[in-house]
């Protein structure tokens, strides 16, 4: 690997951290939306139903591109510094 071992280790830890955080947040948000949609007396049921209908009808690549090109710019600092 040459002199890049430290950079690979840092990149690996950032990738694993982002995967764990995004997986956990996605699970919690999905669970909350599912509970809201299945509840008989939920105020948010129409909004959650509309959201799931729209998201199911849009290809994932389009959502990724909209977030990438239309999302707010990230802070101008290294991803490794965000976890310190």
Foldseek 3Di string as FASTA:
>chain_A
DPPCPVVVVLVVVLVVVVVVVVVVVVVVVVVVLVVQCPDPDHPCNVVSVVVVVVVVVDDPVVVVVCCVVVNDDDDPDDSSVVVD
